[in-house]
N, C-alpha and C. Protein backbone atom coordinates (compact mmCIF):
# COMPACT_ATOMS: atom_id res chain seq x y z
N MET A 1 7.49 -201.65 86.78
CA MET A 1 7.48 -201.86 85.66
C MET A 1 8.23 -200.94 84.76
N GLN A 2 8.59 -201.92 83.78
CA GLN A 2 9.48 -201.17 82.64
C GLN A 2 8.92 -200.33 82.04
N GLU A 3 9.12 -199.05 81.64
CA GLU A 3 8.39 -198.24 80.58
C GLU A 3 9.21 -198.44 79.15
N THR A 4 8.70 -198.58 77.95
CA THR A 4 8.93 -199.11 76.80
C THR A 4 8.56 -197.59 75.90
N THR A 5 9.59 -197.23 75.21
CA THR A 5 9.19 -196.11 74.18
C THR A 5 9.59 -196.50 73.01
N THR A 6 8.78 -196.02 72.00
CA THR A 6 9.12 -196.42 70.50
C THR A 6 9.23 -195.23 69.68
N GLN A 7 10.55 -195.26 69.07
CA GLN A 7 10.69 -193.79 68.23
C GLN A 7 10.28 -193.91 67.00
N VAL A 8 9.44 -193.00 66.51
CA VAL A 8 8.42 -192.97 65.43
C VAL A 8 9.09 -191.50 64.00
N ARG A 9 9.59 -191.88 63.40
CA ARG A 9 10.38 -191.21 62.17
C ARG A 9 8.64 -190.41 61.88
N ASP A 10 9.04 -188.95 61.58
CA ASP A 10 8.20 -188.08 61.29
C ASP A 10 8.12 -187.97 59.76
N THR A 11 7.28 -188.62 59.22
CA THR A 11 6.73 -188.53 57.83
C THR A 11 5.49 -187.82 57.40
N GLN A 12 5.15 -187.19 58.50
CA GLN A 12 3.84 -186.12 58.24
C GLN A 12 3.81 -185.33 57.03
N HIS A 13 5.09 -184.69 56.76
CA HIS A 13 5.25 -184.05 55.42
C HIS A 13 5.56 -184.63 54.01
N THR A 14 5.62 -185.86 54.04
CA THR A 14 5.18 -186.81 52.68
C THR A 14 3.80 -186.76 52.45
N GLN A 15 3.61 -186.86 50.96
CA GLN A 15 2.58 -187.03 50.36
C GLN A 15 2.41 -187.50 48.94
N ARG A 16 1.84 -187.99 48.91
CA ARG A 16 1.72 -188.97 47.38
C ARG A 16 0.65 -188.13 46.51
N VAL A 17 1.14 -187.85 45.31
CA VAL A 17 0.68 -186.97 44.21
C VAL A 17 0.95 -187.43 42.77
N ALA A 18 0.13 -187.57 42.01
CA ALA A 18 0.09 -187.73 40.79
C ALA A 18 1.19 -186.76 40.18
N PHE A 19 2.15 -187.14 39.02
CA PHE A 19 2.78 -186.07 38.42
C PHE A 19 2.30 -184.97 38.08
N SER A 20 1.36 -185.20 37.08
CA SER A 20 0.29 -184.12 36.53
C SER A 20 -0.40 -183.40 37.64
N GLU A 21 -0.35 -183.45 38.79
CA GLU A 21 -0.72 -182.76 39.82
C GLU A 21 0.07 -182.07 40.62
N LEU A 22 1.36 -182.03 40.49
CA LEU A 22 2.24 -181.33 41.38
C LEU A 22 2.32 -179.82 40.73
N HIS A 23 2.11 -179.07 42.24
CA HIS A 23 1.91 -177.36 41.65
C HIS A 23 2.82 -177.03 42.91
N ARG A 24 3.69 -177.39 43.46
CA ARG A 24 4.41 -177.04 44.53
C ARG A 24 6.17 -177.64 44.35
N PRO A 25 7.10 -176.75 44.31
CA PRO A 25 8.24 -177.42 44.23
C PRO A 25 8.78 -178.41 45.39
N GLY A 26 9.91 -178.90 45.17
CA GLY A 26 9.99 -179.82 46.22
C GLY A 26 10.91 -180.84 45.50
N THR A 27 11.14 -182.01 46.64
CA THR A 27 12.05 -183.06 46.14
C THR A 27 11.23 -184.33 46.39
N TYR A 28 11.01 -185.26 45.14
CA TYR A 28 9.99 -186.06 44.81
C TYR A 28 10.66 -187.35 44.63
N VAL A 29 10.00 -188.59 44.40
CA VAL A 29 10.46 -189.55 44.26
C VAL A 29 9.21 -190.28 43.75
N CYS A 30 9.44 -190.92 42.02
CA CYS A 30 8.55 -191.39 41.34
C CYS A 30 8.34 -192.98 42.25
N ASN A 31 7.12 -193.16 42.70
CA ASN A 31 6.86 -194.38 43.20
C ASN A 31 7.13 -195.76 42.61
N GLU A 32 6.90 -195.95 41.17
CA GLU A 32 7.15 -197.10 40.45
C GLU A 32 8.66 -197.20 39.96
N THR A 33 9.70 -196.27 39.59
CA THR A 33 10.67 -196.23 39.45
C THR A 33 11.74 -195.86 40.35
N GLY A 34 11.70 -195.06 41.52
CA GLY A 34 12.64 -194.92 42.51
C GLY A 34 13.31 -193.80 42.12
N THR A 35 13.12 -192.97 40.92
CA THR A 35 13.86 -191.77 40.59
C THR A 35 13.40 -190.90 41.46
N LEU A 36 14.61 -189.93 41.75
CA LEU A 36 14.53 -188.76 42.33
C LEU A 36 14.17 -187.42 41.16
N PHE A 37 13.33 -186.93 41.57
CA PHE A 37 13.17 -185.37 40.94
C PHE A 37 13.40 -183.95 41.61
N ARG A 38 14.03 -183.20 40.97
CA ARG A 38 14.10 -181.79 42.03
C ARG A 38 13.32 -180.74 41.09
N ILE A 39 12.14 -180.33 41.66
CA ILE A 39 11.25 -179.69 41.22
C ILE A 39 11.28 -178.16 41.73
N PRO A 40 12.03 -177.35 41.13
CA PRO A 40 12.31 -175.97 41.48
C PRO A 40 10.97 -175.51 41.13
N GLN A 41 10.67 -174.13 42.10
CA GLN A 41 9.70 -173.37 41.48
C GLN A 41 9.34 -173.04 40.00
N ASP A 42 10.99 -172.34 39.23
CA ASP A 42 10.96 -172.22 38.03
C ASP A 42 10.18 -173.44 37.07
N ALA A 43 10.05 -174.59 37.31
CA ALA A 43 9.77 -175.69 36.75
C ALA A 43 8.12 -175.82 36.69
N LEU A 44 7.54 -174.79 37.61
CA LEU A 44 6.16 -174.76 37.84
C LEU A 44 5.46 -173.59 37.05
N VAL A 45 6.30 -172.70 36.66
CA VAL A 45 5.58 -171.59 36.30
C VAL A 45 5.57 -171.76 34.68
N SER A 46 3.91 -171.47 34.43
CA SER A 46 3.54 -171.84 33.30
C SER A 46 4.27 -171.03 32.39
N GLY A 47 4.60 -171.78 31.00
CA GLY A 47 5.38 -170.88 29.83
C GLY A 47 6.81 -170.81 30.19
N ARG A 48 7.51 -171.00 31.30
CA ARG A 48 9.06 -170.76 31.31
C ARG A 48 9.69 -172.21 31.48
N SER A 49 10.74 -172.19 31.15
CA SER A 49 11.89 -173.44 31.34
C SER A 49 12.38 -173.30 32.68
N PRO A 50 12.67 -174.33 32.93
CA PRO A 50 12.84 -176.16 32.44
C PRO A 50 11.22 -176.75 32.84
N LEU A 51 10.63 -176.92 31.69
CA LEU A 51 9.23 -177.45 31.61
C LEU A 51 9.39 -179.09 31.57
N ILE A 52 8.76 -179.71 32.43
CA ILE A 52 8.81 -181.12 32.98
C ILE A 52 7.90 -181.65 32.35
N GLU A 53 7.79 -182.87 31.73
CA GLU A 53 6.27 -183.55 31.30
C GLU A 53 6.77 -184.84 31.22
N ILE A 54 5.76 -185.85 31.92
CA ILE A 54 5.82 -187.29 31.56
C ILE A 54 4.60 -187.68 30.94
N VAL A 55 4.55 -188.41 30.00
CA VAL A 55 3.62 -189.02 29.31
C VAL A 55 2.95 -190.46 29.50
N SER A 56 2.03 -190.93 29.90
CA SER A 56 1.99 -192.22 30.35
C SER A 56 0.46 -192.28 30.20
N THR A 57 0.04 -193.66 29.84
CA THR A 57 -1.22 -194.22 30.22
C THR A 57 -1.93 -194.29 31.37
N GLN A 58 -1.17 -194.29 32.52
CA GLN A 58 -1.47 -194.48 33.58
C GLN A 58 -1.05 -193.45 34.64
N PRO A 59 -1.30 -192.84 35.63
CA PRO A 59 -0.82 -191.75 36.40
C PRO A 59 0.50 -192.03 36.87
N THR A 60 1.48 -191.20 36.83
CA THR A 60 2.69 -191.49 37.40
C THR A 60 2.47 -190.86 38.82
N MET A 61 2.53 -191.68 39.67
CA MET A 61 2.71 -191.34 41.22
C MET A 61 4.17 -191.08 42.00
N MET A 62 3.97 -189.67 42.59
CA MET A 62 5.06 -189.17 43.14
C MET A 62 4.94 -189.24 44.85
N THR A 63 5.95 -189.27 45.27
CA THR A 63 5.97 -189.00 46.76
C THR A 63 6.89 -187.67 47.25
N LYS A 64 6.39 -186.70 47.90
CA LYS A 64 6.90 -185.76 47.84
C LYS A 64 7.83 -185.81 49.33
N LEU A 65 9.19 -185.59 49.42
CA LEU A 65 10.05 -186.00 50.40
C LEU A 65 9.87 -184.76 51.32
N SER A 66 10.04 -183.41 50.49
CA SER A 66 10.60 -182.25 51.13
C SER A 66 10.02 -181.06 50.41
N ASP A 67 10.03 -180.08 50.83
CA ASP A 67 9.44 -178.55 50.17
C ASP A 67 10.96 -178.47 49.73
N ASP A 68 11.88 -178.51 49.89
CA ASP A 68 13.26 -178.38 49.50
C ASP A 68 13.93 -179.06 48.34
N PRO A 69 13.65 -178.31 47.01
CA PRO A 69 13.79 -179.07 45.92
C PRO A 69 15.79 -179.14 45.64
N TRP A 70 16.46 -178.77 46.58
CA TRP A 70 17.82 -178.91 46.61
C TRP A 70 18.07 -179.75 47.94
N LEU A 71 17.68 -180.81 48.59
CA LEU A 71 17.71 -181.82 49.49
C LEU A 71 18.75 -182.68 49.17
N PRO A 72 19.64 -182.59 50.27
CA PRO A 72 20.85 -183.65 49.83
C PRO A 72 20.43 -184.98 49.53
N ILE A 73 21.08 -185.38 48.54
CA ILE A 73 20.86 -186.75 48.23
C ILE A 73 20.64 -187.99 49.50
N SER A 74 21.55 -187.89 50.43
CA SER A 74 21.71 -188.69 51.47
C SER A 74 20.25 -188.46 52.38
N LYS A 75 20.01 -187.14 52.68
CA LYS A 75 18.76 -187.13 52.97
C LYS A 75 17.63 -187.40 52.46
N ALA A 76 17.47 -187.35 51.02
CA ALA A 76 16.34 -188.04 50.24
C ALA A 76 16.51 -189.43 50.28
N ARG A 77 17.35 -190.20 50.30
CA ARG A 77 17.63 -191.50 50.45
C ARG A 77 16.90 -191.76 52.01
N GLU A 78 17.47 -191.14 52.87
CA GLU A 78 16.92 -191.58 54.28
C GLU A 78 15.63 -191.33 54.38
N LEU A 79 14.59 -189.86 53.99
CA LEU A 79 13.35 -189.64 53.89
C LEU A 79 12.50 -191.10 53.27
N ALA A 80 13.09 -191.34 51.70
CA ALA A 80 12.43 -192.20 50.98
C ALA A 80 12.52 -193.65 51.80
N ALA A 81 13.38 -194.14 52.44
CA ALA A 81 13.62 -195.52 52.95
C ALA A 81 12.47 -195.27 54.18
N ASP A 82 12.30 -193.95 54.70
CA ASP A 82 11.54 -193.94 55.92
C ASP A 82 9.97 -194.52 55.34
N CYS A 83 10.11 -194.46 54.00
CA CYS A 83 8.33 -194.03 53.82
C CYS A 83 8.26 -195.28 52.61
N ASP A 84 9.37 -196.24 53.00
CA ASP A 84 9.23 -197.71 52.28
C ASP A 84 9.03 -197.86 50.80
N LEU A 85 10.03 -196.44 50.21
CA LEU A 85 9.85 -196.31 48.74
C LEU A 85 11.10 -197.26 48.28
N TYR A 86 10.87 -197.37 46.89
CA TYR A 86 11.96 -197.97 46.03
C TYR A 86 12.98 -197.05 45.74
N ILE A 87 14.31 -197.04 46.05
CA ILE A 87 15.32 -195.89 45.73
C ILE A 87 16.00 -196.49 44.62
N SER A 88 16.23 -195.62 43.68
CA SER A 88 17.06 -195.83 42.15
C SER A 88 17.83 -194.67 41.88
N PHE A 89 18.58 -193.93 42.98
CA PHE A 89 19.08 -192.49 43.18
C PHE A 89 20.39 -192.67 43.80
């Protein structure tokens, strides 16, 4: 009997979250546009620059690819593709 193994990518660290609910630094992809967002800790501190804001009538859903906001582009593309996300970066 032949044993078959299936390789599965680890996507347990990816999570979908509304942009307005981002509270942790990391690398994110906008689900609608495929745009890459690098969110450093400084962007999340209230009252400090750089402040990022998206205004929309619908929630802008993001998928977190990594806790590292400076994840290399090639790795970000690989992770986004593994999650079947549209890539526009």
